[in-house]
């Protein structure tokens, strides 16, 4: 099987099965994702174009963590000591 067939047929099929999606704005711009925000800022300042990698994450779980409904596992817990 060649890469073209994988890219045309199988990658989209698996991406659909896994429901891949890039990080949504409301998650990205939360305080727990400050490191990602800074990374984007520095990449942009260097003249490069950042992009959001589609990932097989149910972003609703991350949102639940951000609201304190479940124990964090996707998100970063910010400590008061830095």
PDB file of N, CA and C in Angstrom:
ATOM      1  N   UNK A   1       0.845  -1.168   0.000  1.00  0.00           N
ATOM      2  CA  UNK A   1       0.000   0.000   0.000  1.00  0.00           C
ATOM      3  C   UNK A   1       0.893   1.234   0.000  1.00  0.00           C
ATOM      4  N   UNK A   2       0.569   2.198  -0.811  1.00  0.00           N
ATOM      5  CA  UNK A   2       1.387   3.402  -0.866  1.00  0.00           C
ATOM      6  C   UNK A   2       0.806   4.498   0.039  1.00  0.00           C
ATOM      7  N   UNK A   3       1.623   5.511   0.288  1.00  0.00           N
ATOM      8  CA  UNK A   3       1.217   6.598   1.172  1.00  0.00           C
ATOM      9  C   UNK A   3      -0.028   7.306   0.650  1.00  0.00           C
ATOM     10  N   UNK A   4      -0.116   7.503  -0.646  1.00  0.00           N
ATOM     11  CA  UNK A   4      -1.275   8.189  -1.232  1.00  0.00           C
ATOM     12  C   UNK A   4      -2.589   7.521  -0.854  1.00  0.00           C
ATOM     13  N   UNK A   5      -2.613   6.207  -0.930  1.00  0.00           N
ATOM     14  CA  UNK A   5      -3.828   5.475  -0.569  1.00  0.00           C
ATOM     15  C   UNK A   5      -4.099   5.602   0.934  1.00  0.00           C
ATOM     16  N   UNK A   6      -3.055   5.521   1.735  1.00  0.00           N
ATOM     17  CA  UNK A   6      -3.226   5.711   3.181  1.00  0.00           C
ATOM     18  C   UNK A   6      -3.806   7.092   3.472  1.00  0.00           C
ATOM     19  N   UNK A   7      -3.231   8.106   2.838  1.00  0.00           N
ATOM     20  CA  UNK A   7      -3.663   9.485   3.093  1.00  0.00           C
ATOM     21  C   UNK A   7      -5.084   9.745   2.604  1.00  0.00           C
ATOM     22  N   UNK A   8      -5.444   9.175   1.468  1.00  0.00           N
ATOM     23  CA  UNK A   8      -6.774   9.414   0.888  1.00  0.00           C
ATOM     24  C   UNK A   8      -7.876   8.601   1.560  1.00  0.00           C
ATOM     25  N   UNK A   9      -7.561   7.366   1.912  1.00  0.00           N
ATOM     26  CA  UNK A   9      -8.605   6.450   2.373  1.00  0.00           C
ATOM     27  C   UNK A   9      -8.573   6.189   3.867  1.00  0.00           C
ATOM     28  N   UNK A  10      -7.429   5.750   4.354  1.00  0.00           N
ATOM     29  CA  UNK A  10      -7.383   5.220   5.708  1.00  0.00           C
ATOM     30  C   UNK A  10      -7.178   6.275   6.785  1.00  0.00           C
ATOM     31  N   UNK A  11      -6.338   7.262   6.523  1.00  0.00           N
ATOM     32  CA  UNK A  11      -6.152   8.307   7.518  1.00  0.00           C
ATOM     33  C   UNK A  11      -7.474   9.033   7.798  1.00  0.00           C
ATOM     34  N   UNK A  12      -8.222   9.461   6.789  1.00  0.00           N
ATOM     35  CA  UNK A  12      -9.510  10.102   7.080  1.00  0.00           C
ATOM     36  C   UNK A  12     -10.486   9.181   7.817  1.00  0.00           C
ATOM     37  N   UNK A  13     -10.458   7.907   7.485  1.00  0.00           N
ATOM     38  CA  UNK A  13     -11.355   6.954   8.150  1.00  0.00           C
ATOM     39  C   UNK A  13     -11.021   6.849   9.644  1.00  0.00           C
ATOM     40  N   UNK A  14      -9.746   6.707   9.961  1.00  0.00           N
ATOM     41  CA  UNK A  14      -9.325   6.606  11.360  1.00  0.00           C
ATOM     42  C   UNK A  14      -9.552   7.932  12.077  1.00  0.00           C
ATOM     43  N   UNK A  15      -9.267   9.049  11.415  1.00  0.00           N
ATOM     44  CA  UNK A  15      -9.491  10.359  12.027  1.00  0.00           C
ATOM     45  C   UNK A  15     -10.959  10.539  12.389  1.00  0.00           C
ATOM     46  N   UNK A  16     -11.829  10.076  11.548  1.00  0.00           N
ATOM     47  CA  UNK A  16     -13.261  10.160  11.825  1.00  0.00           C
ATOM     48  C   UNK A  16     -13.644   9.251  12.995  1.00  0.00           C
ATOM     49  N   UNK A  17     -13.101   8.045  13.008  1.00  0.00           N
ATOM     50  CA  UNK A  17     -13.388   7.109  14.102  1.00  0.00           C
ATOM     51  C   UNK A  17     -12.927   7.673  15.445  1.00  0.00           C
ATOM     52  N   UNK A  18     -11.760   8.297  15.458  1.00  0.00           N
ATOM     53  CA  UNK A  18     -11.195   8.833  16.699  1.00  0.00           C
ATOM     54  C   UNK A  18     -11.713  10.229  17.031  1.00  0.00           C
ATOM     55  N   UNK A  19     -12.461  10.816  16.103  1.00  0.00           N
ATOM     56  CA  UNK A  19     -13.017  12.161  16.268  1.00  0.00           C
ATOM     57  C   UNK A  19     -11.922  13.178  16.608  1.00  0.00           C
ATOM     58  N   UNK A  20     -10.853  13.173  15.805  1.00  0.00           N
ATOM     59  CA  UNK A  20      -9.750  14.089  16.074  1.00  0.00           C
ATOM     60  C   UNK A  20     -10.200  15.528  15.839  1.00  0.00           C
ATOM     61  N   UNK A  21      -9.651  16.416  16.659  1.00  0.00           N
ATOM     62  CA  UNK A  21      -9.975  17.831  16.550  1.00  0.00           C
ATOM     63  C   UNK A  21      -8.856  18.638  17.209  1.00  0.00           C
ATOM     64  N   UNK A  22      -8.571  19.817  16.682  1.00  0.00           N
ATOM     65  CA  UNK A  22      -7.575  20.677  17.324  1.00  0.00           C
ATOM     66  C   UNK A  22      -8.148  21.289  18.601  1.00  0.00           C
ATOM     67  N   UNK A  23      -7.274  21.772  19.456  1.00  0.00           N
ATOM     68  CA  UNK A  23      -7.704  22.380  20.700  1.00  0.00           C
ATOM     69  C   UNK A  23      -8.623  23.581  20.414  1.00  0.00           C
ATOM     70  N   UNK A  24      -9.781  23.642  21.042  1.00  0.00           N
ATOM     71  CA  UNK A  24     -10.692  24.760  20.818  1.00  0.00           C
ATOM     72  C   UNK A  24     -10.234  26.020  21.579  1.00  0.00           C
ATOM     73  N   UNK A  25     -10.654  27.167  21.099  1.00  0.00           N
ATOM     74  CA  UNK A  25     -10.242  28.442  21.693  1.00  0.00           C
ATOM     75  C   UNK A  25     -10.515  28.525  23.190  1.00  0.00           C
ATOM     76  N   UNK A  26     -11.694  28.081  23.638  1.00  0.00           N
ATOM     77  CA  UNK A  26     -12.029  28.232  25.055  1.00  0.00           C
ATOM     78  C   UNK A  26     -11.087  27.433  25.949  1.00  0.00           C
ATOM     79  N   UNK A  27     -10.573  26.328  25.461  1.00  0.00           N
ATOM     80  CA  UNK A  27      -9.611  25.540  26.233  1.00  0.00           C
ATOM     81  C   UNK A  27      -8.227  26.170  26.112  1.00  0.00           C
ATOM     82  N   UNK A  28      -7.816  26.491  24.899  1.00  0.00           N
ATOM     83  CA  UNK A  28      -6.497  27.064  24.660  1.00  0.00           C
ATOM     84  C   UNK A  28      -6.267  28.336  25.460  1.00  0.00           C
ATOM     85  N   UNK A  29      -7.268  29.187  25.564  1.00  0.00           N
ATOM     86  CA  UNK A  29      -7.079  30.483  26.223  1.00  0.00           C
ATOM     87  C   UNK A  29      -7.448  30.466  27.697  1.00  0.00           C
ATOM     88  N   UNK A  30      -7.494  29.271  28.293  1.00  0.00           N
ATOM     89  CA  UNK A  30      -7.683  29.166  29.741  1.00  0.00           C
ATOM     90  C   UNK A  30      -6.317  29.293  30.417  1.00  0.00           C
ATOM     91  N   UNK A  31      -6.313  29.619  31.713  1.00  0.00           N
ATOM     92  CA  UNK A  31      -5.042  29.810  32.424  1.00  0.00           C
ATOM     93  C   UNK A  31      -4.220  28.519  32.479  1.00  0.00           C
ATOM     94  N   UNK A  32      -4.877  27.372  32.441  1.00  0.00           N
ATOM     95  CA  UNK A  32      -4.150  26.109  32.490  1.00  0.00           C
ATOM     96  C   UNK A  32      -3.329  25.844  31.228  1.00  0.00           C
ATOM     97  N   UNK A  33      -3.633  26.534  30.165  1.00  0.00           N
ATOM     98  CA  UNK A  33      -2.919  26.349  28.904  1.00  0.00           C
ATOM     99  C   UNK A  33      -2.020  27.541  28.576  1.00  0.00           C
ATOM    100  N   UNK A  34      -1.560  28.227  29.621  1.00  0.00           N
ATOM    101  CA  UNK A  34      -0.686  29.387  29.425  1.00  0.00           C
ATOM    102  C   UNK A  34       0.574  29.012  28.645  1.00  0.00           C
ATOM    103  N   UNK A  35       1.151  27.847  28.927  1.00  0.00           N
ATOM    104  CA  UNK A  35       2.374  27.464  28.212  1.00  0.00           C
ATOM    105  C   UNK A  35       2.122  27.353  26.711  1.00  0.00           C
ATOM    106  N   UNK A  36       0.958  26.852  26.326  1.00  0.00           N
ATOM    107  CA  UNK A  36       0.615  26.774  24.899  1.00  0.00           C
ATOM    108  C   UNK A  36       0.460  28.168  24.303  1.00  0.00           C
ATOM    109  N   UNK A  37      -0.151  29.066  25.056  1.00  0.00           N
ATOM    110  CA  UNK A  37      -0.331  30.437  24.591  1.00  0.00           C
ATOM    111  C   UNK A  37       1.023  31.111  24.375  1.00  0.00           C
ATOM    112  N   UNK A  38       1.941  30.902  25.321  1.00  0.00           N
ATOM    113  CA  UNK A  38       3.276  31.489  25.194  1.00  0.00           C
ATOM    114  C   UNK A  38       4.037  30.886  24.019  1.00  0.00           C
ATOM    115  N   UNK A  39       3.885  29.601  23.808  1.00  0.00           N
ATOM    116  CA  UNK A  39       4.524  28.941  22.670  1.00  0.00           C
ATOM    117  C   UNK A  39       4.047  29.577  21.364  1.00  0.00           C
ATOM    118  N   UNK A  40       2.745  29.756  21.235  1.00  0.00           N
ATOM    119  CA  UNK A  40       2.179  30.373  20.031  1.00  0.00           C
ATOM    120  C   UNK A  40       2.718  31.786  19.851  1.00  0.00           C
ATOM    121  N   UNK A  41       2.799  32.532  20.945  1.00  0.00           N
ATOM    122  CA  UNK A  41       3.310  33.902  20.889  1.00  0.00           C
ATOM    123  C   UNK A  41       4.752  33.922  20.385  1.00  0.00           C
ATOM    124  N   UNK A  42       5.593  33.040  20.915  1.00  0.00           N
ATOM    125  CA  UNK A  42       7.000  33.012  20.523  1.00  0.00           C
ATOM    126  C   UNK A  42       7.189  32.508  19.093  1.00  0.00           C
ATOM    127  N   UNK A  43       6.411  31.524  18.706  1.00  0.00           N
ATOM    128  CA  UNK A  43       6.481  31.030  17.325  1.00  0.00           C
ATOM    129  C   UNK A  43       6.101  32.143  16.350  1.00  0.00           C
ATOM    130  N   UNK A  44       5.033  32.862  16.679  1.00  0.00           N
ATOM    131  CA  UNK A  44       4.585  33.967  15.823  1.00  0.00           C
ATOM    132  C   UNK A  44       5.633  35.072  15.772  1.00  0.00           C
ATOM    133  N   UNK A  45       6.230  35.398  16.926  1.00  0.00           N
ATOM    134  CA  UNK A  45       7.258  36.437  16.976  1.00  0.00           C
ATOM    135  C   UNK A  45       8.486  36.054  16.157  1.00  0.00           C
ATOM    136  N   UNK A  46       8.724  34.774  16.001  1.00  0.00           N
ATOM    137  CA  UNK A  46       9.855  34.298  15.202  1.00  0.00           C
ATOM    138  C   UNK A  46       9.535  34.290  13.710  1.00  0.00           C
ATOM    139  N   UNK A  47       8.315  34.725  13.363  1.00  0.00           N
ATOM    140  CA  UNK A  47       7.936  34.778  11.957  1.00  0.00           C
ATOM    141  C   UNK A  47       7.394  33.477  11.400  1.00  0.00           C
ATOM    142  N   UNK A  48       7.129  32.533  12.275  1.00  0.00           N
ATOM    143  CA  UNK A  48       6.593  31.248  11.840  1.00  0.00           C
ATOM    144  C   UNK A  48       5.081  31.233  12.039  1.00  0.00           C
ATOM    145  N   UNK A  49       4.426  30.300  11.405  1.00  0.00           N
ATOM    146  CA  UNK A  49       2.971  30.197  11.510  1.00  0.00           C
ATOM    147  C   UNK A  49       2.607  28.981  12.359  1.00  0.00           C
ATOM    148  N   UNK A  50       2.124  29.221  13.573  1.00  0.00           N
ATOM    149  CA  UNK A  50       1.720  28.087  14.402  1.00  0.00           C
ATOM    150  C   UNK A  50       0.431  27.466  13.869  1.00  0.00           C
ATOM    151  N   UNK A  51       0.224  26.204  14.179  1.00  0.00           N
ATOM    152  CA  UNK A  51      -1.027  25.560  13.809  1.00  0.00           C
ATOM    153  C   UNK A  51      -1.403  24.580  14.920  1.00  0.00           C
ATOM    154  N   UNK A  52      -2.655  24.271  14.993  1.00  0.00           N
ATOM    155  CA  UNK A  52      -3.166  23.373  16.020  1.00  0.00           C
ATOM    156  C   UNK A  52      -3.267  21.969  15.435  1.00  0.00           C
ATOM    157  N   UNK A  53      -2.576  21.061  16.067  1.00  0.00           N
ATOM    158  CA  UNK A  53      -2.547  19.677  15.608  1.00  0.00           C
ATOM    159  C   UNK A  53      -3.846  18.978  16.025  1.00  0.00           C
ATOM    160  N   UNK A  54      -4.562  18.393  15.086  1.00  0.00           N
ATOM    161  CA  UNK A  54      -5.748  17.620  15.462  1.00  0.00           C
ATOM    162  C   UNK A  54      -5.348  16.414  16.318  1.00  0.00           C
ATOM    163  N   UNK A  55      -6.043  16.238  17.434  1.00  0.00           N
ATOM    164  CA  UNK A  55      -5.710  15.165  18.370  1.00  0.00           C
ATOM    165  C   UNK A  55      -6.972  14.384  18.740  1.00  0.00           C
ATOM    166  N   UNK A  56      -6.803  13.113  19.096  1.00  0.00           N
ATOM    167  CA  UNK A  56      -7.966  12.296  19.476  1.00  0.00           C
ATOM    168  C   UNK A  56      -8.330  12.502  20.948  1.00  0.00           C
ATOM    169  N   UNK A  57      -8.755  13.712  21.264  1.00  0.00           N
ATOM    170  CA  UNK A  57      -9.123  14.077  22.634  1.00  0.00           C
ATOM    171  C   UNK A  57     -10.570  14.544  22.635  1.00  0.00           C
ATOM    172  N   UNK A  58     -11.324  14.075  23.620  1.00  0.00           N
ATOM    173  CA  UNK A  58     -12.671  14.601  23.819  1.00  0.00           C
ATOM    174  C   UNK A  58     -12.515  15.882  24.626  1.00  0.00           C
ATOM    175  N   UNK A  59     -12.584  16.996  23.955  1.00  0.00           N
ATOM    176  CA  UNK A  59     -12.327  18.294  24.593  1.00  0.00           C
ATOM    177  C   UNK A  59     -13.350  18.618  25.667  1.00  0.00           C
ATOM    178  N   UNK A  60     -14.475  17.921  25.684  1.00  0.00           N
ATOM    179  CA  UNK A  60     -15.445  18.137  26.760  1.00  0.00           C
ATOM    180  C   UNK A  60     -14.899  17.668  28.104  1.00  0.00           C
ATOM    181  N   UNK A  61     -14.014  16.656  28.099  1.00  0.00           N
ATOM    182  CA  UNK A  61     -13.365  16.241  29.345  1.00  0.00           C
ATOM    183  C   UNK A  61     -12.439  17.346  29.845  1.00  0.00           C
ATOM    184  N   UNK A  62     -11.677  17.947  28.927  1.00  0.00           N
ATOM    185  CA  UNK A  62     -10.800  19.058  29.319  1.00  0.00           C
ATOM    186  C   UNK A  62     -11.630  20.209  29.872  1.00  0.00           C
ATOM    187  N   UNK A  63     -12.755  20.482  29.252  1.00  0.00           N
ATOM    188  CA  UNK A  63     -13.631  21.551  29.750  1.00  0.00           C
ATOM    189  C   UNK A  63     -14.146  21.227  31.156  1.00  0.00           C
ATOM    190  N   UNK A  64     -14.489  19.976  31.400  1.00  0.00           N
ATOM    191  CA  UNK A  64     -14.945  19.574  32.732  1.00  0.00           C
ATOM    192  C   UNK A  64     -13.835  19.771  33.758  1.00  0.00           C
ATOM    193  N   UNK A  65     -12.611  19.467  33.379  1.00  0.00           N
ATOM    194  CA  UNK A  65     -11.473  19.708  34.273  1.00  0.00           C
ATOM    195  C   UNK A  65     -11.318  21.193  34.564  1.00  0.00           C
ATOM    196  N   UNK A  66     -11.431  22.009  33.531  1.00  0.00           N
ATOM    197  CA  UNK A  66     -11.279  23.457  33.706  1.00  0.00           C
ATOM    198  C   UNK A  66     -12.353  24.018  34.634  1.00  0.00           C
ATOM    199  N   UNK A  67     -13.524  23.405  34.635  1.00  0.00           N
ATOM    200  CA  UNK A  67     -14.614  23.854  35.511  1.00  0.00           C
ATOM    201  C   UNK A  67     -14.526  23.222  36.898  1.00  0.00           C
ATOM    202  N   UNK A  68     -13.526  22.352  37.127  1.00  0.00           N
ATOM    203  CA  UNK A  68     -13.353  21.721  38.418  1.00  0.00           C
ATOM    204  C   UNK A  68     -14.308  20.577  38.688  1.00  0.00           C
ATOM    205  N   UNK A  69     -14.921  20.035  37.628  1.00  0.00           N
ATOM    206  CA  UNK A  69     -15.892  18.955  37.800  1.00  0.00           C
ATOM    207  C   UNK A  69     -15.240  17.584  37.932  1.00  0.00           C
ATOM    208  N   UNK A  70     -14.041  17.448  37.391  1.00  0.00           N
ATOM    209  CA  UNK A  70     -13.303  16.187  37.481  1.00  0.00           C
ATOM    210  C   UNK A  70     -11.834  16.490  37.772  1.00  0.00           C
ATOM    211  N   UNK A  71     -11.136  15.497  38.292  1.00  0.00           N
ATOM    212  CA  UNK A  71      -9.718  15.643  38.606  1.00  0.00           C
ATOM    213  C   UNK A  71      -8.918  15.855  37.315  1.00  0.00           C
ATOM    214  N   UNK A  72      -8.005  16.824  37.293  1.00  0.00           N
ATOM    215  CA  UNK A  72      -7.243  17.103  36.068  1.00  0.00           C
ATOM    216  C   UNK A  72      -6.379  15.931  35.616  1.00  0.00           C
ATOM    217  N   UNK A  73      -6.435  15.642  34.338  1.00  0.00           N
ATOM    218  CA  UNK A  73      -5.513  14.690  33.722  1.00  0.00           C
ATOM    219  C   UNK A  73      -5.033  15.222  32.374  1.00  0.00           C
ATOM    220  N   UNK A  74      -5.907  15.901  31.630  1.00  0.00           N
ATOM    221  CA  UNK A  74      -5.506  16.549  30.370  1.00  0.00           C
ATOM    222  C   UNK A  74      -4.841  17.892  30.644  1.00  0.00           C
ATOM    223  N   UNK A  75      -5.373  18.608  31.609  1.00  0.00           N
ATOM    224  CA  UNK A  75      -4.978  19.990  31.845  1.00  0.00           C
ATOM    225  C   UNK A  75      -3.876  20.067  32.901  1.00  0.00           C
ATOM    226  N   UNK A  76      -3.221  21.209  32.957  1.00  0.00           N
ATOM    227  CA  UNK A  76      -2.150  21.441  33.908  1.00  0.00           C
ATOM    228  C   UNK A  76      -2.695  22.176  35.117  1.00  0.00           C
ATOM    229  N   UNK A  77      -2.373  21.670  36.281  1.00  0.00           N
ATOM    230  CA  UNK A  77      -2.777  22.338  37.505  1.00  0.00           C
ATOM    231  C   UNK A  77      -1.748  23.418  37.806  1.00  0.00           C
ATOM    232  N   UNK A  78      -2.214  24.638  37.947  1.00  0.00           N
ATOM    233  CA  UNK A  78      -1.309  25.752  38.246  1.00  0.00           C
ATOM    234  C   UNK A  78      -1.111  25.816  39.760  1.00  0.00           C
ATOM    235  N   UNK A  79       0.137  25.832  40.203  1.00  0.00           N
ATOM    236  CA  UNK A  79       0.388  25.922  41.640  1.00  0.00           C
ATOM    237  C   UNK A  79       0.560  27.377  42.040  1.00  0.00           C
ATOM    238  N   UNK A  80       0.332  27.658  43.305  1.00  0.00           N
ATOM    239  CA  UNK A  80       0.475  29.030  43.791  1.00  0.00           C
ATOM    240  C   UNK A  80       1.917  29.407  43.963  1.00  0.00           C
ATOM    241  N   UNK A  81       2.834  28.440  43.886  1.00  0.00           N
ATOM    242  CA  UNK A  81       4.264  28.729  44.060  1.00  0.00           C
ATOM    243  C   UNK A  81       4.971  28.912  42.730  1.00  0.00           C
ATOM    244  N   UNK A  82       4.223  28.842  41.637  1.00  0.00           N
ATOM    245  CA  UNK A  82       4.835  29.072  40.345  1.00  0.00           C
ATOM    246  C   UNK A  82       5.119  27.817  39.678  1.00  0.00           C
TER     247      UNK A  82
END
